[in-house]
Amino acid sequence: MSNFASVMKRLRIERGITQEQLAAMLKVSRSTIGMYETGSREPDFETSEAIADIFNVDMDYLMGRSDVERKHPITPSGVQVPPGFRPLPEMTQVPLIGNIACGTPITAEENIKQYIGVPAAWRADFALECHGDSMAPRICDGDIVCIRKQCEVETGQIAAVRIGEEATLKHFYKSGDMVQLIAENSAVCPPMIFSGTQLADIKIEGLAVGFCRGLL
């Protein structure tokens, strides 16, 4: 494993970011993140810079060329930040809209309940409150899931999917003219399979890019 691979994996785990979330931030597949972390593939310079920005570290540190995460950043007041200090990530406000089921789909209520702060690096457009245990233990009842609006996702990614007038959060799989929505906890929720004319009722609302617990 290269220095970059080991540093990247450690930083991702330390910051509580899943491979799936990092893949969404970088707009690559989860398997690509896996290859980065095993050293079987290396990102280009632009992607490496994006990874360094997400983890808030210097490129030299990310590449294993330095032991200093950041070279004494300067605050707006001109005060030099001491080594070992890790600033909080840049935050942004997104609307918390209605609810989304993690089990049987519930009616999608598109009303803004409030605004919440989430990491800007997630590039989320809105957030939804989850109900049900079908995505546990990754996403639990009451968790907040942050969604980036997009009409397509890669196979296996977690997406907010509208089924007619209802919405649900599941792993999305498409093969030919068949769509499967798969729960994390199959014991609670069996696969939801759609094909033929049923596909007209299926619409991807966005990609899950981050999860928050204990905000509400």
N, C-alpha and C. Protein backbone atom coordinates (compact mmCIF):
# COMPACT_ATOMS: atom_id res chain seq x y z
N MET A 1 0.84 -1.19 0.00
CA MET A 1 0.00 0.00 0.00
C MET A 1 0.88 1.24 0.00
N SER A 2 0.59 2.20 -0.89
CA SER A 2 1.39 3.41 -0.98
C SER A 2 1.11 4.32 0.21
N ASN A 3 2.02 5.31 0.41
CA ASN A 3 1.81 6.27 1.48
C ASN A 3 0.49 7.00 1.30
N PHE A 4 0.21 7.40 0.04
CA PHE A 4 -1.05 8.10 -0.23
C PHE A 4 -2.24 7.24 0.16
N ALA A 5 -2.23 5.97 -0.23
CA ALA A 5 -3.36 5.09 0.05
C ALA A 5 -3.61 4.95 1.54
N SER A 6 -2.56 4.74 2.32
CA SER A 6 -2.73 4.55 3.76
C SER A 6 -3.16 5.83 4.45
N VAL A 7 -2.60 6.98 4.02
CA VAL A 7 -2.98 8.27 4.61
C VAL A 7 -4.43 8.59 4.29
N MET A 8 -4.81 8.40 3.04
CA MET A 8 -6.19 8.69 2.63
C MET A 8 -7.19 7.86 3.42
N LYS A 9 -6.92 6.57 3.55
CA LYS A 9 -7.84 5.69 4.28
C LYS A 9 -7.94 6.10 5.74
N ARG A 10 -6.81 6.43 6.35
CA ARG A 10 -6.82 6.83 7.77
C ARG A 10 -7.60 8.11 7.96
N LEU A 11 -7.37 9.10 7.09
CA LEU A 11 -8.07 10.38 7.22
C LEU A 11 -9.57 10.20 7.04
N ARG A 12 -9.95 9.37 6.08
CA ARG A 12 -11.38 9.14 5.85
C ARG A 12 -12.05 8.54 7.08
N ILE A 13 -11.39 7.54 7.67
CA ILE A 13 -11.95 6.87 8.85
C ILE A 13 -11.98 7.83 10.04
N GLU A 14 -10.90 8.60 10.24
CA GLU A 14 -10.84 9.55 11.35
C GLU A 14 -11.95 10.58 11.27
N ARG A 15 -12.31 10.98 10.07
CA ARG A 15 -13.32 12.02 9.89
C ARG A 15 -14.73 11.45 9.78
N GLY A 16 -14.85 10.14 9.93
CA GLY A 16 -16.16 9.51 9.93
C GLY A 16 -16.88 9.54 8.60
N ILE A 17 -16.10 9.52 7.51
CA ILE A 17 -16.68 9.56 6.17
C ILE A 17 -16.62 8.16 5.56
N THR A 18 -17.73 7.69 5.03
CA THR A 18 -17.74 6.38 4.39
C THR A 18 -17.17 6.47 2.98
N GLN A 19 -16.79 5.33 2.43
CA GLN A 19 -16.32 5.30 1.04
C GLN A 19 -17.40 5.82 0.11
N GLU A 20 -18.63 5.48 0.40
CA GLU A 20 -19.75 5.91 -0.44
C GLU A 20 -19.91 7.43 -0.41
N GLN A 21 -19.80 8.02 0.78
CA GLN A 21 -19.92 9.47 0.91
C GLN A 21 -18.79 10.18 0.19
N LEU A 22 -17.55 9.67 0.35
CA LEU A 22 -16.41 10.29 -0.31
C LEU A 22 -16.55 10.17 -1.82
N ALA A 23 -17.04 9.03 -2.29
CA ALA A 23 -17.25 8.85 -3.73
C ALA A 23 -18.24 9.87 -4.26
N ALA A 24 -19.29 10.13 -3.48
CA ALA A 24 -20.29 11.12 -3.90
C ALA A 24 -19.69 12.52 -3.96
N MET A 25 -18.85 12.85 -2.99
CA MET A 25 -18.21 14.17 -2.98
C MET A 25 -17.32 14.36 -4.19
N LEU A 26 -16.62 13.30 -4.58
CA LEU A 26 -15.66 13.38 -5.69
C LEU A 26 -16.28 13.04 -7.04
N LYS A 27 -17.54 12.60 -7.01
CA LYS A 27 -18.25 12.19 -8.23
C LYS A 27 -17.53 11.04 -8.93
N VAL A 28 -17.13 10.06 -8.14
CA VAL A 28 -16.54 8.82 -8.68
C VAL A 28 -17.30 7.65 -8.06
N SER A 29 -17.00 6.45 -8.49
CA SER A 29 -17.68 5.28 -7.94
C SER A 29 -17.04 4.86 -6.61
N ARG A 30 -17.80 4.10 -5.83
CA ARG A 30 -17.28 3.60 -4.56
C ARG A 30 -16.09 2.67 -4.81
N SER A 31 -16.15 1.90 -5.90
CA SER A 31 -15.04 0.99 -6.20
C SER A 31 -13.76 1.75 -6.50
N THR A 32 -13.90 2.96 -7.07
CA THR A 32 -12.72 3.79 -7.33
C THR A 32 -12.06 4.20 -6.02
N ILE A 33 -12.87 4.58 -5.04
CA ILE A 33 -12.33 4.93 -3.72
C ILE A 33 -11.61 3.72 -3.13
N GLY A 34 -12.20 2.55 -3.30
CA GLY A 34 -11.56 1.33 -2.80
C GLY A 34 -10.21 1.09 -3.43
N MET A 35 -10.10 1.36 -4.74
CA MET A 35 -8.82 1.18 -5.43
C MET A 35 -7.80 2.22 -4.97
N TYR A 36 -8.26 3.45 -4.70
CA TYR A 36 -7.35 4.47 -4.16
C TYR A 36 -6.77 3.99 -2.84
N GLU A 37 -7.62 3.39 -2.00
CA GLU A 37 -7.20 3.03 -0.64
C GLU A 37 -6.37 1.75 -0.60
N THR A 38 -6.42 0.94 -1.63
CA THR A 38 -5.57 -0.25 -1.68
C THR A 38 -4.29 0.01 -2.46
N GLY A 39 -4.23 1.17 -3.13
CA GLY A 39 -3.04 1.51 -3.89
C GLY A 39 -3.01 0.94 -5.29
N SER A 40 -4.11 0.28 -5.71
CA SER A 40 -4.14 -0.28 -7.06
C SER A 40 -4.43 0.77 -8.12
N ARG A 41 -4.82 1.95 -7.67
CA ARG A 41 -5.07 3.06 -8.59
C ARG A 41 -4.81 4.36 -7.86
N GLU A 42 -4.27 5.36 -8.57
CA GLU A 42 -4.01 6.66 -7.96
C GLU A 42 -4.83 7.73 -8.67
N PRO A 43 -5.33 8.72 -7.93
CA PRO A 43 -6.11 9.78 -8.55
C PRO A 43 -5.23 10.75 -9.32
N ASP A 44 -5.84 11.49 -10.24
CA ASP A 44 -5.08 12.52 -10.93
C ASP A 44 -4.87 13.70 -9.98
N PHE A 45 -4.11 14.69 -10.43
CA PHE A 45 -3.74 15.80 -9.55
C PHE A 45 -4.97 16.56 -9.07
N GLU A 46 -5.91 16.80 -9.99
CA GLU A 46 -7.11 17.57 -9.62
C GLU A 46 -7.92 16.84 -8.55
N THR A 47 -8.05 15.53 -8.70
CA THR A 47 -8.79 14.75 -7.71
C THR A 47 -8.04 14.71 -6.38
N SER A 48 -6.71 14.62 -6.45
CA SER A 48 -5.91 14.63 -5.22
C SER A 48 -6.10 15.94 -4.46
N GLU A 49 -6.15 17.05 -5.20
CA GLU A 49 -6.39 18.35 -4.56
C GLU A 49 -7.76 18.38 -3.90
N ALA A 50 -8.76 17.82 -4.58
CA ALA A 50 -10.10 17.79 -4.02
C ALA A 50 -10.14 16.95 -2.74
N ILE A 51 -9.42 15.84 -2.72
CA ILE A 51 -9.36 14.99 -1.52
C ILE A 51 -8.70 15.74 -0.38
N ALA A 52 -7.61 16.45 -0.68
CA ALA A 52 -6.91 17.23 0.34
C ALA A 52 -7.83 18.31 0.91
N ASP A 53 -8.63 18.95 0.05
CA ASP A 53 -9.56 19.98 0.51
C ASP A 53 -10.64 19.39 1.41
N ILE A 54 -11.17 18.23 1.02
CA ILE A 54 -12.21 17.59 1.82
C ILE A 54 -11.69 17.24 3.21
N PHE A 55 -10.45 16.73 3.28
CA PHE A 55 -9.87 16.34 4.57
C PHE A 55 -9.19 17.51 5.28
N ASN A 56 -9.10 18.66 4.58
CA ASN A 56 -8.49 19.86 5.15
C ASN A 56 -7.04 19.62 5.56
N VAL A 57 -6.26 19.05 4.61
CA VAL A 57 -4.84 18.81 4.85
C VAL A 57 -4.04 19.30 3.65
N ASP A 58 -2.73 19.48 3.85
CA ASP A 58 -1.85 19.85 2.75
C ASP A 58 -1.64 18.65 1.83
N MET A 59 -1.37 18.95 0.57
CA MET A 59 -1.09 17.89 -0.40
C MET A 59 0.11 17.05 0.02
N ASP A 60 1.15 17.70 0.55
CA ASP A 60 2.35 16.97 0.96
C ASP A 60 2.01 15.94 2.04
N TYR A 61 1.12 16.32 2.95
CA TYR A 61 0.71 15.39 4.01
C TYR A 61 -0.09 14.24 3.42
N LEU A 62 -1.02 14.56 2.52
CA LEU A 62 -1.84 13.53 1.89
C LEU A 62 -0.99 12.52 1.14
N MET A 63 0.07 13.01 0.49
CA MET A 63 0.92 12.14 -0.31
C MET A 63 1.99 11.42 0.53
N GLY A 64 2.00 11.69 1.85
CA GLY A 64 2.97 11.03 2.71
C GLY A 64 4.35 11.64 2.68
N ARG A 65 4.44 12.89 2.15
CA ARG A 65 5.74 13.55 2.05
C ARG A 65 6.04 14.45 3.24
N SER A 66 5.05 14.63 4.12
CA SER A 66 5.22 15.50 5.28
C SER A 66 4.41 14.95 6.44
N ASP A 67 4.89 15.23 7.67
CA ASP A 67 4.17 14.81 8.86
C ASP A 67 3.26 15.91 9.39
N VAL A 68 3.27 17.07 8.73
CA VAL A 68 2.47 18.22 9.17
C VAL A 68 1.20 18.29 8.33
N GLU A 69 0.05 18.19 9.00
CA GLU A 69 -1.22 18.20 8.25
C GLU A 69 -1.41 19.52 7.52
N ARG A 70 -1.19 20.62 8.25
CA ARG A 70 -1.31 21.95 7.64
C ARG A 70 -0.17 22.82 8.13
N LYS A 71 0.42 23.58 7.22
CA LYS A 71 1.58 24.40 7.56
C LYS A 71 1.13 25.70 8.23
N HIS A 72 0.77 25.60 9.50
CA HIS A 72 0.43 26.77 10.31
C HIS A 72 -0.49 27.73 9.57
N PRO A 73 -1.75 27.36 9.34
CA PRO A 73 -2.66 28.28 8.67
C PRO A 73 -2.84 29.57 9.44
N ILE A 74 -3.11 30.63 8.72
CA ILE A 74 -3.30 31.95 9.32
C ILE A 74 -4.78 32.27 9.38
N THR A 75 -5.25 32.68 10.56
CA THR A 75 -6.65 33.05 10.71
C THR A 75 -6.87 34.44 10.14
N PRO A 76 -8.16 34.84 9.91
CA PRO A 76 -8.42 36.19 9.40
C PRO A 76 -7.86 37.29 10.27
N SER A 77 -7.69 37.03 11.57
CA SER A 77 -7.15 38.05 12.47
C SER A 77 -5.64 38.11 12.42
N GLY A 78 -5.01 37.22 11.64
CA GLY A 78 -3.56 37.24 11.51
C GLY A 78 -2.85 36.37 12.52
N VAL A 79 -3.60 35.63 13.35
CA VAL A 79 -3.01 34.77 14.37
C VAL A 79 -2.61 33.44 13.74
N GLN A 80 -1.37 33.01 14.00
CA GLN A 80 -0.90 31.75 13.45
C GLN A 80 -1.45 30.59 14.27
N VAL A 81 -2.06 29.64 13.58
CA VAL A 81 -2.65 28.48 14.25
C VAL A 81 -1.54 27.49 14.60
N PRO A 82 -1.48 27.00 15.84
CA PRO A 82 -0.41 26.09 16.25
C PRO A 82 -0.55 24.73 15.60
N PRO A 83 0.57 23.98 15.49
CA PRO A 83 0.52 22.63 14.93
C PRO A 83 -0.42 21.74 15.74
N GLY A 84 -1.11 20.85 15.08
CA GLY A 84 -2.03 19.95 15.75
C GLY A 84 -3.44 20.48 15.85
N PHE A 85 -3.62 21.78 15.58
CA PHE A 85 -4.95 22.36 15.62
C PHE A 85 -5.71 21.97 14.36
N ARG A 86 -6.91 21.47 14.51
CA ARG A 86 -7.72 21.06 13.36
C ARG A 86 -8.98 21.92 13.31
N PRO A 87 -9.07 22.84 12.37
CA PRO A 87 -10.24 23.71 12.30
C PRO A 87 -11.49 22.93 11.92
N LEU A 88 -12.64 23.46 12.33
CA LEU A 88 -13.90 22.84 11.96
C LEU A 88 -14.12 22.99 10.46
N PRO A 89 -14.81 22.03 9.85
CA PRO A 89 -15.06 22.15 8.41
C PRO A 89 -16.01 23.30 8.11
N GLU A 90 -15.90 23.84 6.92
CA GLU A 90 -16.82 24.90 6.50
C GLU A 90 -18.23 24.32 6.45
N MET A 91 -19.18 25.07 7.00
CA MET A 91 -20.56 24.59 7.07
C MET A 91 -21.47 25.43 6.17
N THR A 92 -22.59 24.85 5.81
CA THR A 92 -23.59 25.57 5.04
C THR A 92 -24.96 25.16 5.54
N GLN A 93 -25.97 25.97 5.24
CA GLN A 93 -27.34 25.70 5.66
C GLN A 93 -28.13 25.06 4.52
N VAL A 94 -28.85 23.99 4.83
CA VAL A 94 -29.74 23.37 3.83
C VAL A 94 -31.11 23.19 4.46
N PRO A 95 -32.17 23.22 3.65
CA PRO A 95 -33.51 23.04 4.21
C PRO A 95 -33.78 21.58 4.57
N LEU A 96 -34.44 21.39 5.70
CA LEU A 96 -34.90 20.06 6.10
C LEU A 96 -36.33 19.93 5.59
N ILE A 97 -36.52 19.02 4.63
CA ILE A 97 -37.80 18.93 3.93
C ILE A 97 -38.52 17.64 4.28
N GLY A 98 -39.64 17.75 4.96
CA GLY A 98 -40.51 16.61 5.19
C GLY A 98 -39.81 15.39 5.76
N ASN A 99 -40.27 14.23 5.35
CA ASN A 99 -39.77 12.96 5.85
C ASN A 99 -39.49 12.01 4.69
N ILE A 100 -38.71 10.99 4.96
CA ILE A 100 -38.50 9.93 3.97
C ILE A 100 -38.44 8.61 4.70
N ALA A 101 -39.06 7.60 4.15
CA ALA A 101 -39.13 6.31 4.83
C ALA A 101 -37.90 5.47 4.56
N CYS A 102 -37.46 4.73 5.58
CA CYS A 102 -36.40 3.73 5.42
C CYS A 102 -37.03 2.35 5.55
N GLY A 103 -38.29 2.25 5.25
CA GLY A 103 -39.00 0.98 5.27
C GLY A 103 -40.04 1.07 4.17
N THR A 104 -41.28 0.87 4.53
CA THR A 104 -42.35 1.06 3.55
C THR A 104 -42.42 2.54 3.20
N PRO A 105 -42.50 2.90 1.92
CA PRO A 105 -42.53 4.32 1.55
C PRO A 105 -43.68 5.05 2.24
N ILE A 106 -43.42 6.29 2.63
CA ILE A 106 -44.46 7.13 3.21
C ILE A 106 -44.70 8.30 2.28
N THR A 107 -45.81 8.96 2.43
CA THR A 107 -46.11 10.11 1.58
C THR A 107 -45.03 11.16 1.73
N ALA A 108 -44.51 11.64 0.61
CA ALA A 108 -43.43 12.63 0.64
C ALA A 108 -44.02 14.02 0.87
N GLU A 109 -43.73 14.61 2.02
CA GLU A 109 -44.25 15.93 2.35
C GLU A 109 -43.17 16.96 2.06
N GLU A 110 -43.33 17.70 0.98
CA GLU A 110 -42.29 18.64 0.58
C GLU A 110 -42.53 20.02 1.20
N ASN A 111 -42.41 20.09 2.48
CA ASN A 111 -42.50 21.36 3.18
C ASN A 111 -41.24 21.53 4.02
N ILE A 112 -40.74 22.75 4.03
CA ILE A 112 -39.50 23.03 4.77
C ILE A 112 -39.83 23.14 6.26
N LYS A 113 -39.25 22.25 7.05
CA LYS A 113 -39.48 22.26 8.48
C LYS A 113 -38.55 23.24 9.18
N GLN A 114 -37.29 23.27 8.75
CA GLN A 114 -36.29 24.17 9.32
C GLN A 114 -35.03 24.08 8.47
N TYR A 115 -34.01 24.86 8.84
CA TYR A 115 -32.71 24.78 8.15
C TYR A 115 -31.69 24.21 9.13
N ILE A 116 -30.80 23.37 8.62
CA ILE A 116 -29.77 22.76 9.46
C ILE A 116 -28.39 22.98 8.85
N GLY A 117 -27.36 22.98 9.69
CA GLY A 117 -25.99 23.15 9.21
C GLY A 117 -25.35 21.81 8.90
N VAL A 118 -24.74 21.71 7.72
CA VAL A 118 -24.04 20.49 7.30
C VAL A 118 -22.72 20.88 6.65
N PRO A 119 -21.74 19.98 6.57
CA PRO A 119 -20.47 20.31 5.91
C PRO A 119 -20.67 20.75 4.46
N ALA A 120 -20.08 21.87 4.10
CA ALA A 120 -20.21 22.38 2.73
C ALA A 120 -19.64 21.41 1.71
N ALA A 121 -18.63 20.62 2.13
CA ALA A 121 -17.99 19.67 1.21
C ALA A 121 -18.97 18.62 0.70
N TRP A 122 -20.06 18.40 1.41
CA TRP A 122 -21.05 17.41 0.95
C TRP A 122 -21.80 17.90 -0.29
N ARG A 123 -21.85 19.21 -0.50
CA ARG A 123 -22.58 19.82 -1.62
C ARG A 123 -24.03 19.32 -1.66
N ALA A 124 -24.65 19.29 -0.49
CA ALA A 124 -26.04 18.85 -0.38
C ALA A 124 -26.99 19.99 -0.74
N ASP A 125 -28.14 19.63 -1.29
CA ASP A 125 -29.15 20.62 -1.65
C ASP A 125 -30.28 20.68 -0.63
N PHE A 126 -30.55 19.56 0.02
CA PHE A 126 -31.59 19.55 1.05
C PHE A 126 -31.38 18.32 1.94
N ALA A 127 -32.13 18.27 3.02
CA ALA A 127 -32.02 17.15 3.96
C ALA A 127 -33.40 16.59 4.25
N LEU A 128 -33.45 15.31 4.58
CA LEU A 128 -34.70 14.63 4.89
C LEU A 128 -34.54 13.85 6.19
N GLU A 129 -35.61 13.78 6.97
CA GLU A 129 -35.60 12.99 8.20
C GLU A 129 -36.07 11.57 7.89
N CYS A 130 -35.31 10.58 8.34
CA CYS A 130 -35.61 9.18 8.03
C CYS A 130 -36.46 8.54 9.12
N HIS A 131 -37.34 7.65 8.69
CA HIS A 131 -38.17 6.88 9.62
C HIS A 131 -38.14 5.42 9.21
N GLY A 132 -37.93 4.54 10.18
CA GLY A 132 -37.85 3.12 9.90
C GLY A 132 -36.45 2.58 10.11
N ASP A 133 -36.32 1.27 10.11
CA ASP A 133 -35.04 0.61 10.41
C ASP A 133 -34.50 -0.21 9.25
N SER A 134 -35.06 -0.04 8.05
CA SER A 134 -34.62 -0.89 6.94
C SER A 134 -33.20 -0.58 6.49
N MET A 135 -32.69 0.63 6.80
CA MET A 135 -31.32 0.97 6.40
C MET A 135 -30.35 0.90 7.57
N ALA A 136 -30.81 0.40 8.72
CA ALA A 136 -29.94 0.22 9.89
C ALA A 136 -28.96 -0.94 9.61
N PRO A 137 -27.77 -0.90 10.21
CA PRO A 137 -27.32 0.08 11.20
C PRO A 137 -26.69 1.34 10.60
N ARG A 138 -26.56 1.42 9.27
CA ARG A 138 -25.93 2.60 8.68
C ARG A 138 -26.77 3.85 8.91
N ILE A 139 -28.05 3.76 8.63
CA ILE A 139 -28.96 4.89 8.82
C ILE A 139 -30.08 4.41 9.72
N CYS A 140 -30.26 5.10 10.85
CA CYS A 140 -31.24 4.66 11.84
C CYS A 140 -32.46 5.57 11.86
N ASP A 141 -33.50 5.09 12.50
CA ASP A 141 -34.73 5.87 12.63
C ASP A 141 -34.43 7.21 13.30
N GLY A 142 -34.86 8.30 12.67
CA GLY A 142 -34.62 9.63 13.21
C GLY A 142 -33.39 10.32 12.68
N ASP A 143 -32.53 9.59 11.96
CA ASP A 143 -31.34 10.22 11.37
C ASP A 143 -31.74 11.21 10.27
N ILE A 144 -30.84 12.15 10.02
CA ILE A 144 -31.02 13.11 8.93
C ILE A 144 -30.12 12.69 7.78
N VAL A 145 -30.68 12.58 6.59
CA VAL A 145 -29.88 12.24 5.41
C VAL A 145 -29.84 13.46 4.50
N CYS A 146 -28.63 13.81 4.07
CA CYS A 146 -28.43 14.96 3.19
C CYS A 146 -28.41 14.49 1.74
N ILE A 147 -29.15 15.18 0.89
CA ILE A 147 -29.36 14.76 -0.49
C ILE A 147 -28.83 15.81 -1.46
N ARG A 148 -28.09 15.34 -2.47
CA ARG A 148 -27.70 16.21 -3.58
C ARG A 148 -28.63 15.90 -4.75
N LYS A 149 -29.30 16.93 -5.25
CA LYS A 149 -30.24 16.72 -6.35
C LYS A 149 -29.53 16.21 -7.60
N GLN A 150 -29.97 15.08 -8.11
CA GLN A 150 -29.50 14.55 -9.38
C GLN A 150 -30.45 13.44 -9.79
N CYS A 151 -30.60 13.26 -11.09
CA CYS A 151 -31.60 12.32 -11.60
C CYS A 151 -31.03 10.94 -11.87
N GLU A 152 -29.69 10.78 -11.71
CA GLU A 152 -29.07 9.48 -11.91
C GLU A 152 -28.07 9.21 -10.79
N VAL A 153 -27.90 7.94 -10.44
CA VAL A 153 -26.89 7.52 -9.47
C VAL A 153 -26.23 6.26 -10.01
N GLU A 154 -25.04 5.95 -9.48
CA GLU A 154 -24.39 4.71 -9.88
C GLU A 154 -25.02 3.54 -9.14
N THR A 155 -24.96 2.38 -9.77
CA THR A 155 -25.59 1.21 -9.18
C THR A 155 -25.02 0.91 -7.79
N GLY A 156 -25.92 0.65 -6.86
CA GLY A 156 -25.52 0.36 -5.49
C GLY A 156 -25.49 1.56 -4.56
N GLN A 157 -25.50 2.77 -5.12
CA GLN A 157 -25.47 3.96 -4.26
C GLN A 157 -26.82 4.14 -3.57
N ILE A 158 -26.79 4.85 -2.44
CA ILE A 158 -28.02 5.12 -1.70
C ILE A 158 -28.67 6.36 -2.29
N ALA A 159 -29.94 6.23 -2.66
CA ALA A 159 -30.64 7.33 -3.31
C ALA A 159 -31.99 7.57 -2.66
N ALA A 160 -32.44 8.81 -2.74
CA ALA A 160 -33.82 9.14 -2.40
C ALA A 160 -34.63 8.92 -3.68
N VAL A 161 -35.57 8.00 -3.62
CA VAL A 161 -36.32 7.60 -4.81
C VAL A 161 -37.81 7.84 -4.59
N ARG A 162 -38.42 8.51 -5.55
CA ARG A 162 -39.86 8.72 -5.50
C ARG A 162 -40.56 7.58 -6.23
N ILE A 163 -41.56 7.02 -5.58
CA ILE A 163 -42.39 5.97 -6.18
C ILE A 163 -43.80 6.53 -6.24
N GLY A 164 -44.17 7.04 -7.40
CA GLY A 164 -45.45 7.73 -7.51
C GLY A 164 -45.42 9.00 -6.68
N GLU A 165 -46.29 9.09 -5.69
CA GLU A 165 -46.34 10.27 -4.82
C GLU A 165 -45.65 10.03 -3.49
N GLU A 166 -44.93 8.92 -3.37
CA GLU A 166 -44.26 8.59 -2.13
C GLU A 166 -42.76 8.54 -2.35
N ALA A 167 -42.00 8.50 -1.25
CA ALA A 167 -40.54 8.50 -1.37
C ALA A 167 -39.93 7.52 -0.39
N THR A 168 -38.76 7.01 -0.74
CA THR A 168 -38.05 6.07 0.12
C THR A 168 -36.56 6.22 -0.10
N LEU A 169 -35.78 5.71 0.84
CA LEU A 169 -34.31 5.77 0.77
C LEU A 169 -33.78 4.35 0.70
N LYS A 170 -33.11 4.00 -0.40
CA LYS A 170 -32.64 2.63 -0.59
C LYS A 170 -31.40 2.62 -1.48
N HIS A 171 -30.69 1.48 -1.48
CA HIS A 171 -29.66 1.23 -2.49
C HIS A 171 -30.37 1.04 -3.83
N PHE A 172 -29.88 1.73 -4.85
CA PHE A 172 -30.54 1.71 -6.16
C PHE A 172 -29.76 0.82 -7.13
N TYR A 173 -30.45 -0.13 -7.73
CA TYR A 173 -29.85 -1.01 -8.74
C TYR A 173 -30.74 -1.03 -9.97
N LYS A 174 -30.12 -0.89 -11.14
CA LYS A 174 -30.87 -0.96 -12.40
C LYS A 174 -30.17 -1.90 -13.36
N SER A 175 -30.94 -2.81 -13.94
CA SER A 175 -30.42 -3.75 -14.92
C SER A 175 -31.44 -3.88 -16.04
N GLY A 176 -31.11 -3.36 -17.21
CA GLY A 176 -32.06 -3.40 -18.32
C GLY A 176 -33.32 -2.65 -17.99
N ASP A 177 -34.46 -3.33 -18.07
CA ASP A 177 -35.74 -2.68 -17.77
C ASP A 177 -36.25 -3.05 -16.38
N MET A 178 -35.32 -3.35 -15.48
CA MET A 178 -35.70 -3.69 -14.10
C MET A 178 -34.94 -2.82 -13.11
N VAL A 179 -35.65 -2.30 -12.12
CA VAL A 179 -35.06 -1.52 -11.03
C VAL A 179 -35.31 -2.24 -9.72
N GLN A 180 -34.26 -2.35 -8.90
CA GLN A 180 -34.39 -2.92 -7.57
C GLN A 180 -33.99 -1.88 -6.53
N LEU A 181 -34.80 -1.72 -5.51
CA LEU A 181 -34.48 -0.86 -4.38
C LEU A 181 -34.21 -1.79 -3.20
N ILE A 182 -32.96 -1.80 -2.74
CA ILE A 182 -32.52 -2.78 -1.74
C ILE A 182 -32.23 -2.09 -0.41
N ALA A 183 -32.79 -2.63 0.65
CA ALA A 183 -32.56 -2.10 1.99
C ALA A 183 -31.23 -2.62 2.54
N GLU A 184 -30.67 -1.88 3.50
CA GLU A 184 -29.47 -2.34 4.20
C GLU A 184 -29.82 -3.54 5.08
N ASN A 185 -31.01 -3.50 5.65
CA ASN A 185 -31.48 -4.55 6.55
C ASN A 185 -32.59 -5.34 5.85
N SER A 186 -32.20 -6.37 5.11
CA SER A 186 -33.17 -7.13 4.31
C SER A 186 -34.15 -7.91 5.17
N ALA A 187 -33.80 -8.14 6.45
CA ALA A 187 -34.71 -8.85 7.34
C ALA A 187 -35.94 -8.02 7.66
N VAL A 188 -35.79 -6.70 7.59
CA VAL A 188 -36.89 -5.79 7.89
C VAL A 188 -37.68 -5.45 6.63
N CYS A 189 -36.96 -5.28 5.52
CA CYS A 189 -37.61 -4.85 4.28
C CYS A 189 -37.07 -5.66 3.10
N PRO A 190 -37.89 -6.47 2.46
CA PRO A 190 -37.44 -7.24 1.30
C PRO A 190 -37.18 -6.34 0.11
N PRO A 191 -36.45 -6.82 -0.90
CA PRO A 191 -36.18 -6.00 -2.09
C PRO A 191 -37.48 -5.53 -2.75
N MET A 192 -37.44 -4.30 -3.24
CA MET A 192 -38.57 -3.74 -3.98
C MET A 192 -38.19 -3.78 -5.46
N ILE A 193 -38.95 -4.51 -6.26
CA ILE A 193 -38.59 -4.74 -7.66
C ILE A 193 -39.64 -4.13 -8.57
N PHE A 194 -39.17 -3.39 -9.58
CA PHE A 194 -40.06 -2.73 -10.52
C PHE A 194 -39.59 -3.03 -11.94
N SER A 195 -40.53 -3.21 -12.84
CA SER A 195 -40.18 -3.47 -14.23
C SER A 195 -41.32 -3.04 -15.14
N GLY A 196 -41.03 -3.01 -16.45
CA GLY A 196 -42.06 -2.69 -17.43
C GLY A 196 -42.70 -1.34 -17.19
N THR A 197 -44.01 -1.29 -17.20
CA THR A 197 -44.73 -0.02 -17.05
C THR A 197 -44.57 0.58 -15.66
N GLN A 198 -44.17 -0.24 -14.68
CA GLN A 198 -43.98 0.27 -13.32
C GLN A 198 -42.85 1.30 -13.26
N LEU A 199 -41.91 1.22 -14.19
CA LEU A 199 -40.76 2.13 -14.18
C LEU A 199 -41.17 3.58 -14.38
N ALA A 200 -42.35 3.80 -14.96
CA ALA A 200 -42.82 5.17 -15.19
C ALA A 200 -43.07 5.88 -13.87
N ASP A 201 -43.29 5.11 -12.80
CA ASP A 201 -43.56 5.70 -11.48
C ASP A 201 -42.30 5.93 -10.66
N ILE A 202 -41.14 5.49 -11.18
CA ILE A 202 -39.89 5.58 -10.42
C ILE A 202 -39.10 6.81 -10.85
N LYS A 203 -38.72 7.63 -9.88
CA LYS A 203 -37.92 8.82 -10.18
C LYS A 203 -36.88 9.02 -9.09
N ILE A 204 -35.62 9.14 -9.48
CA ILE A 204 -34.55 9.43 -8.52
C ILE A 204 -34.58 10.91 -8.17
N GLU A 205 -34.73 11.21 -6.89
CA GLU A 205 -34.74 12.60 -6.44
C GLU A 205 -33.34 13.11 -6.17
N GLY A 206 -32.42 12.22 -5.78
CA GLY A 206 -31.07 12.67 -5.49
C GLY A 206 -30.23 11.58 -4.83
N LEU A 207 -28.95 11.89 -4.67
CA LEU A 207 -27.98 10.97 -4.07
C LEU A 207 -27.76 11.32 -2.61
N ALA A 208 -27.74 10.31 -1.75
CA ALA A 208 -27.42 10.53 -0.34
C ALA A 208 -25.92 10.79 -0.21
N VAL A 209 -25.56 11.96 0.31
CA VAL A 209 -24.14 12.34 0.39
C VAL A 209 -23.64 12.47 1.82
N GLY A 210 -24.53 12.39 2.80
CA GLY A 210 -24.09 12.50 4.18
C GLY A 210 -25.23 12.21 5.14
N PHE A 211 -24.86 11.78 6.35
CA PHE A 211 -25.86 11.44 7.35
C PHE A 211 -25.52 12.13 8.67
N CYS A 212 -26.55 12.59 9.36
CA CYS A 212 -26.37 13.25 10.65
C CYS A 212 -27.25 12.56 11.68
N ARG A 213 -26.74 12.46 12.90
CA ARG A 213 -27.50 11.78 13.96
C ARG A 213 -27.58 12.69 15.18
N GLY A 214 -28.75 12.73 15.81
CA GLY A 214 -28.93 13.49 17.04
C GLY A 214 -29.12 14.98 16.85
N LEU A 215 -29.48 15.42 15.64
CA LEU A 215 -29.67 16.86 15.42
C LEU A 215 -31.04 17.33 15.89
N LEU A 216 -32.03 16.45 15.84
CA LEU A 216 -33.40 16.84 16.18
C LEU A 216 -33.83 16.24 17.51
